[in-house]
Amino acid sequence: MALAAALQREALGVRHYIDRTAWSQIMRAASSVPANIAEGAMRSSPRDFANFLSIAIGSAAELHALLLIAAESGLLAVDRARNAAKEAKELRQMLVSLRGRILGQQRQRPR
C-alpha cells in the first residue's frame, strides 16, 4: 500500500495527457495489489484467497514492467523508477510465497 501511495503523490504533478494516461495505468496496477489482497483475505475459503493473491501477483508484475518503461521513457526518474520496480518485484515474490503457503494449508486440511 505504501508503494501505491508514494506513486500517487508523484502522479499529482503530471499535466501532459500522455503522461497522465501512463500514470493512470501505473496507479491502477499499484492500487490493484493491496485491493486484491484485502478482498481475498475476506473470502470464506483459502482457495478463494489464493485466487485473489494470484490477481495481486499479476498486478505486481504489471507494475514492475510499467515502472521500468516509465524509467526508459523519462516519465519517472531512473533511480526512483528502479527502486519502485525493485519494491514491486519483492512484493510479488512475497505474494507468491504467501499463495504457496495458503494453498499448502488447504491441501493439508482433512476433508
N, C-alpha and C. Protein backbone atom coordinates (compact mmCIF):
# COMPACT_ATOMS: atom_id res chain seq x y z
N MET A 1 0.82 -1.18 0.00
CA MET A 1 0.00 0.00 0.00
C MET A 1 0.88 1.25 0.00
N ALA A 2 2.02 1.19 0.66
CA ALA A 2 2.91 2.34 0.69
C ALA A 2 3.43 2.68 -0.69
N LEU A 3 3.72 1.67 -1.49
CA LEU A 3 4.21 1.90 -2.84
C LEU A 3 3.14 2.62 -3.67
N ALA A 4 1.90 2.18 -3.58
CA ALA A 4 0.81 2.82 -4.32
C ALA A 4 0.64 4.27 -3.89
N ALA A 5 0.74 4.53 -2.59
CA ALA A 5 0.59 5.89 -2.09
C ALA A 5 1.74 6.78 -2.56
N ALA A 6 2.95 6.27 -2.54
CA ALA A 6 4.10 7.06 -3.00
C ALA A 6 3.98 7.40 -4.48
N LEU A 7 3.56 6.44 -5.27
CA LEU A 7 3.39 6.70 -6.70
C LEU A 7 2.26 7.68 -6.95
N GLN A 8 1.21 7.61 -6.16
CA GLN A 8 0.09 8.54 -6.28
C GLN A 8 0.57 9.97 -6.03
N ARG A 9 1.41 10.16 -5.03
CA ARG A 9 1.94 11.50 -4.75
C ARG A 9 2.75 12.03 -5.93
N GLU A 10 3.53 11.17 -6.57
CA GLU A 10 4.33 11.59 -7.72
C GLU A 10 3.46 11.92 -8.92
N ALA A 11 2.35 11.23 -9.06
CA ALA A 11 1.48 11.43 -10.21
C ALA A 11 0.69 12.73 -10.13
N LEU A 12 0.57 13.31 -8.97
CA LEU A 12 -0.26 14.50 -8.80
C LEU A 12 0.21 15.68 -9.66
N GLY A 13 1.49 15.78 -9.91
CA GLY A 13 2.01 16.91 -10.67
C GLY A 13 2.02 16.73 -12.18
N VAL A 14 1.55 15.59 -12.66
CA VAL A 14 1.60 15.30 -14.10
C VAL A 14 0.49 16.06 -14.82
N ARG A 15 0.86 16.78 -15.88
CA ARG A 15 -0.12 17.59 -16.59
C ARG A 15 -0.35 17.13 -18.03
N HIS A 16 0.64 16.62 -18.68
CA HIS A 16 0.53 16.24 -20.09
C HIS A 16 -0.35 15.01 -20.22
N TYR A 17 -1.22 14.98 -21.24
CA TYR A 17 -2.19 13.89 -21.40
C TYR A 17 -1.53 12.52 -21.48
N ILE A 18 -0.50 12.37 -22.30
CA ILE A 18 0.15 11.06 -22.44
C ILE A 18 0.75 10.62 -21.11
N ASP A 19 1.36 11.58 -20.41
CA ASP A 19 1.92 11.25 -19.10
C ASP A 19 0.83 10.86 -18.12
N ARG A 20 -0.31 11.57 -18.16
CA ARG A 20 -1.43 11.23 -17.26
C ARG A 20 -1.95 9.84 -17.57
N THR A 21 -2.01 9.49 -18.85
CA THR A 21 -2.51 8.18 -19.25
C THR A 21 -1.58 7.08 -18.73
N ALA A 22 -0.28 7.29 -18.89
CA ALA A 22 0.69 6.31 -18.39
C ALA A 22 0.61 6.20 -16.87
N TRP A 23 0.52 7.34 -16.20
CA TRP A 23 0.41 7.31 -14.74
C TRP A 23 -0.87 6.63 -14.30
N SER A 24 -1.93 6.82 -15.04
CA SER A 24 -3.19 6.17 -14.69
C SER A 24 -3.03 4.65 -14.71
N GLN A 25 -2.35 4.15 -15.72
CA GLN A 25 -2.13 2.71 -15.81
C GLN A 25 -1.24 2.23 -14.66
N ILE A 26 -0.20 2.99 -14.34
CA ILE A 26 0.67 2.64 -13.21
C ILE A 26 -0.14 2.62 -11.92
N MET A 27 -0.98 3.64 -11.72
CA MET A 27 -1.75 3.71 -10.48
C MET A 27 -2.78 2.59 -10.38
N ARG A 28 -3.40 2.22 -11.50
CA ARG A 28 -4.36 1.10 -11.45
C ARG A 28 -3.65 -0.18 -11.03
N ALA A 29 -2.48 -0.43 -11.59
CA ALA A 29 -1.74 -1.65 -11.22
C ALA A 29 -1.31 -1.59 -9.76
N ALA A 30 -0.80 -0.42 -9.33
CA ALA A 30 -0.32 -0.28 -7.96
C ALA A 30 -1.44 -0.43 -6.94
N SER A 31 -2.59 0.15 -7.22
CA SER A 31 -3.70 0.06 -6.25
C SER A 31 -4.39 -1.30 -6.31
N SER A 32 -4.27 -2.00 -7.40
CA SER A 32 -4.88 -3.32 -7.53
C SER A 32 -4.24 -4.34 -6.59
N VAL A 33 -2.95 -4.19 -6.32
CA VAL A 33 -2.26 -5.17 -5.47
C VAL A 33 -2.88 -5.20 -4.06
N PRO A 34 -2.86 -4.10 -3.30
CA PRO A 34 -3.44 -4.18 -1.96
C PRO A 34 -4.95 -4.42 -1.96
N ALA A 35 -5.64 -3.92 -2.98
CA ALA A 35 -7.10 -4.12 -3.04
C ALA A 35 -7.43 -5.60 -3.19
N ASN A 36 -6.70 -6.32 -4.03
CA ASN A 36 -6.97 -7.75 -4.20
C ASN A 36 -6.55 -8.57 -2.99
N ILE A 37 -5.49 -8.16 -2.32
CA ILE A 37 -5.09 -8.85 -1.10
C ILE A 37 -6.19 -8.68 -0.05
N ALA A 38 -6.68 -7.46 0.11
CA ALA A 38 -7.73 -7.20 1.11
C ALA A 38 -9.01 -7.95 0.78
N GLU A 39 -9.41 -7.90 -0.48
CA GLU A 39 -10.65 -8.59 -0.86
C GLU A 39 -10.51 -10.09 -0.67
N GLY A 40 -9.38 -10.64 -1.08
CA GLY A 40 -9.16 -12.08 -0.94
C GLY A 40 -9.12 -12.53 0.50
N ALA A 41 -8.55 -11.70 1.35
CA ALA A 41 -8.44 -12.05 2.78
C ALA A 41 -9.81 -12.18 3.44
N MET A 42 -10.80 -11.53 2.86
CA MET A 42 -12.14 -11.57 3.44
C MET A 42 -13.00 -12.67 2.85
N ARG A 43 -12.47 -13.44 1.93
CA ARG A 43 -13.23 -14.54 1.34
C ARG A 43 -13.31 -15.71 2.30
N SER A 44 -14.24 -16.59 2.04
CA SER A 44 -14.52 -17.65 3.00
C SER A 44 -13.62 -18.87 2.87
N SER A 45 -12.88 -19.00 1.78
CA SER A 45 -12.06 -20.20 1.64
C SER A 45 -10.63 -19.84 1.26
N PRO A 46 -9.69 -20.68 1.66
CA PRO A 46 -8.29 -20.46 1.27
C PRO A 46 -8.12 -20.44 -0.25
N ARG A 47 -8.89 -21.25 -0.95
CA ARG A 47 -8.78 -21.29 -2.41
C ARG A 47 -9.18 -19.94 -3.02
N ASP A 48 -10.24 -19.33 -2.50
CA ASP A 48 -10.65 -18.02 -2.98
C ASP A 48 -9.56 -16.97 -2.68
N PHE A 49 -9.01 -17.03 -1.47
CA PHE A 49 -7.93 -16.11 -1.10
C PHE A 49 -6.76 -16.28 -2.06
N ALA A 50 -6.38 -17.51 -2.34
CA ALA A 50 -5.26 -17.78 -3.25
C ALA A 50 -5.54 -17.23 -4.64
N ASN A 51 -6.79 -17.30 -5.07
CA ASN A 51 -7.15 -16.75 -6.37
C ASN A 51 -6.92 -15.23 -6.41
N PHE A 52 -7.34 -14.54 -5.37
CA PHE A 52 -7.12 -13.10 -5.31
C PHE A 52 -5.64 -12.76 -5.18
N LEU A 53 -4.89 -13.61 -4.49
CA LEU A 53 -3.44 -13.41 -4.43
C LEU A 53 -2.83 -13.55 -5.82
N SER A 54 -3.35 -14.48 -6.62
CA SER A 54 -2.85 -14.63 -7.99
C SER A 54 -3.09 -13.36 -8.81
N ILE A 55 -4.23 -12.75 -8.61
CA ILE A 55 -4.53 -11.50 -9.31
C ILE A 55 -3.56 -10.40 -8.84
N ALA A 56 -3.32 -10.34 -7.54
CA ALA A 56 -2.38 -9.35 -6.99
C ALA A 56 -0.97 -9.59 -7.52
N ILE A 57 -0.57 -10.84 -7.68
CA ILE A 57 0.74 -11.18 -8.23
C ILE A 57 0.85 -10.66 -9.66
N GLY A 58 -0.19 -10.86 -10.44
CA GLY A 58 -0.20 -10.35 -11.81
C GLY A 58 -0.12 -8.84 -11.85
N SER A 59 -0.82 -8.17 -10.95
CA SER A 59 -0.78 -6.72 -10.90
C SER A 59 0.60 -6.22 -10.48
N ALA A 60 1.24 -6.92 -9.57
CA ALA A 60 2.60 -6.54 -9.16
C ALA A 60 3.58 -6.71 -10.32
N ALA A 61 3.41 -7.76 -11.10
CA ALA A 61 4.26 -7.97 -12.27
C ALA A 61 4.02 -6.87 -13.30
N GLU A 62 2.77 -6.51 -13.51
CA GLU A 62 2.44 -5.43 -14.43
C GLU A 62 3.06 -4.12 -13.96
N LEU A 63 2.94 -3.84 -12.67
CA LEU A 63 3.51 -2.62 -12.10
C LEU A 63 5.02 -2.58 -12.30
N HIS A 64 5.68 -3.69 -12.07
CA HIS A 64 7.13 -3.77 -12.26
C HIS A 64 7.49 -3.39 -13.69
N ALA A 65 6.80 -3.97 -14.65
CA ALA A 65 7.09 -3.68 -16.06
C ALA A 65 6.80 -2.21 -16.40
N LEU A 66 5.68 -1.69 -15.92
CA LEU A 66 5.32 -0.31 -16.22
C LEU A 66 6.32 0.68 -15.63
N LEU A 67 6.85 0.37 -14.45
CA LEU A 67 7.84 1.26 -13.85
C LEU A 67 9.14 1.26 -14.64
N LEU A 68 9.53 0.11 -15.14
CA LEU A 68 10.74 0.06 -15.98
C LEU A 68 10.53 0.84 -17.28
N ILE A 69 9.34 0.73 -17.85
CA ILE A 69 9.01 1.51 -19.05
C ILE A 69 9.02 3.01 -18.73
N ALA A 70 8.48 3.38 -17.58
CA ALA A 70 8.46 4.78 -17.17
C ALA A 70 9.87 5.34 -17.04
N ALA A 71 10.79 4.55 -16.55
CA ALA A 71 12.18 4.98 -16.43
C ALA A 71 12.80 5.18 -17.81
N GLU A 72 12.57 4.21 -18.68
CA GLU A 72 13.16 4.27 -20.03
C GLU A 72 12.59 5.42 -20.86
N SER A 73 11.34 5.76 -20.62
CA SER A 73 10.69 6.81 -21.41
C SER A 73 10.86 8.19 -20.81
N GLY A 74 11.46 8.28 -19.63
CA GLY A 74 11.66 9.57 -18.98
C GLY A 74 10.47 10.06 -18.19
N LEU A 75 9.47 9.23 -18.03
CA LEU A 75 8.28 9.61 -17.27
C LEU A 75 8.60 9.72 -15.77
N LEU A 76 9.54 8.92 -15.33
CA LEU A 76 9.92 8.87 -13.92
C LEU A 76 11.44 8.83 -13.86
N ALA A 77 12.01 9.48 -12.87
CA ALA A 77 13.47 9.47 -12.70
C ALA A 77 13.95 8.02 -12.61
N VAL A 78 15.04 7.73 -13.29
CA VAL A 78 15.53 6.36 -13.39
C VAL A 78 15.75 5.73 -12.01
N ASP A 79 16.40 6.44 -11.11
CA ASP A 79 16.64 5.88 -9.77
C ASP A 79 15.34 5.58 -9.04
N ARG A 80 14.40 6.52 -9.10
CA ARG A 80 13.11 6.33 -8.42
C ARG A 80 12.35 5.16 -9.04
N ALA A 81 12.36 5.09 -10.36
CA ALA A 81 11.65 4.00 -11.04
C ALA A 81 12.27 2.66 -10.71
N ARG A 82 13.57 2.57 -10.72
CA ARG A 82 14.24 1.30 -10.42
C ARG A 82 13.98 0.87 -8.98
N ASN A 83 14.00 1.83 -8.05
CA ASN A 83 13.71 1.48 -6.65
C ASN A 83 12.27 1.00 -6.49
N ALA A 84 11.36 1.68 -7.13
CA ALA A 84 9.95 1.27 -7.05
C ALA A 84 9.74 -0.07 -7.74
N ALA A 85 10.41 -0.29 -8.88
CA ALA A 85 10.29 -1.58 -9.58
C ALA A 85 10.86 -2.70 -8.73
N LYS A 86 11.95 -2.43 -8.04
CA LYS A 86 12.54 -3.44 -7.13
C LYS A 86 11.55 -3.77 -6.02
N GLU A 87 10.90 -2.76 -5.48
CA GLU A 87 9.91 -2.96 -4.43
C GLU A 87 8.73 -3.79 -4.95
N ALA A 88 8.29 -3.49 -6.17
CA ALA A 88 7.19 -4.24 -6.77
C ALA A 88 7.59 -5.71 -6.98
N LYS A 89 8.81 -5.94 -7.40
CA LYS A 89 9.30 -7.31 -7.61
C LYS A 89 9.37 -8.07 -6.28
N GLU A 90 9.88 -7.42 -5.25
CA GLU A 90 9.95 -8.05 -3.92
C GLU A 90 8.56 -8.36 -3.40
N LEU A 91 7.63 -7.44 -3.60
CA LEU A 91 6.24 -7.66 -3.18
C LEU A 91 5.66 -8.87 -3.90
N ARG A 92 5.91 -8.95 -5.21
CA ARG A 92 5.43 -10.09 -5.99
C ARG A 92 5.99 -11.40 -5.44
N GLN A 93 7.26 -11.42 -5.11
CA GLN A 93 7.88 -12.63 -4.56
C GLN A 93 7.26 -13.01 -3.22
N MET A 94 6.97 -12.03 -2.38
CA MET A 94 6.31 -12.32 -1.10
C MET A 94 4.91 -12.88 -1.31
N LEU A 95 4.20 -12.33 -2.28
CA LEU A 95 2.85 -12.82 -2.56
C LEU A 95 2.86 -14.24 -3.11
N VAL A 96 3.84 -14.56 -3.95
CA VAL A 96 3.98 -15.93 -4.46
C VAL A 96 4.20 -16.89 -3.29
N SER A 97 5.04 -16.49 -2.35
CA SER A 97 5.31 -17.33 -1.18
C SER A 97 4.04 -17.50 -0.32
N LEU A 98 3.35 -16.40 -0.08
CA LEU A 98 2.10 -16.47 0.70
C LEU A 98 1.07 -17.36 0.01
N ARG A 99 0.93 -17.19 -1.29
CA ARG A 99 -0.02 -18.01 -2.04
C ARG A 99 0.33 -19.49 -1.90
N GLY A 100 1.61 -19.81 -1.98
CA GLY A 100 2.04 -21.20 -1.81
C GLY A 100 1.70 -21.75 -0.44
N ARG A 101 1.89 -20.92 0.59
CA ARG A 101 1.54 -21.37 1.95
C ARG A 101 0.04 -21.55 2.11
N ILE A 102 -0.73 -20.64 1.55
CA ILE A 102 -2.19 -20.75 1.64
C ILE A 102 -2.66 -22.03 0.96
N LEU A 103 -2.16 -22.28 -0.23
CA LEU A 103 -2.56 -23.50 -0.94
C LEU A 103 -2.04 -24.76 -0.25
N GLY A 104 -0.86 -24.68 0.35
CA GLY A 104 -0.32 -25.81 1.09
C GLY A 104 -1.16 -26.14 2.31
N GLN A 105 -1.66 -25.12 2.99
CA GLN A 105 -2.53 -25.34 4.15
C GLN A 105 -3.84 -25.98 3.71
N GLN A 106 -4.31 -25.56 2.56
CA GLN A 106 -5.58 -26.11 2.06
C GLN A 106 -5.42 -27.60 1.78
N ARG A 107 -4.29 -28.01 1.23
CA ARG A 107 -4.06 -29.41 0.90
C ARG A 107 -3.93 -30.27 2.17
N GLN A 108 -3.46 -29.66 3.25
CA GLN A 108 -3.24 -30.43 4.47
C GLN A 108 -4.49 -30.57 5.32
N ARG A 109 -5.53 -29.84 5.02
CA ARG A 109 -6.76 -29.91 5.81
C ARG A 109 -7.46 -31.24 5.60
N PRO A 110 -7.94 -31.85 6.66
CA PRO A 110 -8.71 -33.10 6.48
C PRO A 110 -10.04 -32.78 5.82
N ARG A 111 -10.50 -33.71 5.01
CA ARG A 111 -11.76 -33.48 4.26
C ARG A 111 -12.91 -34.18 4.90
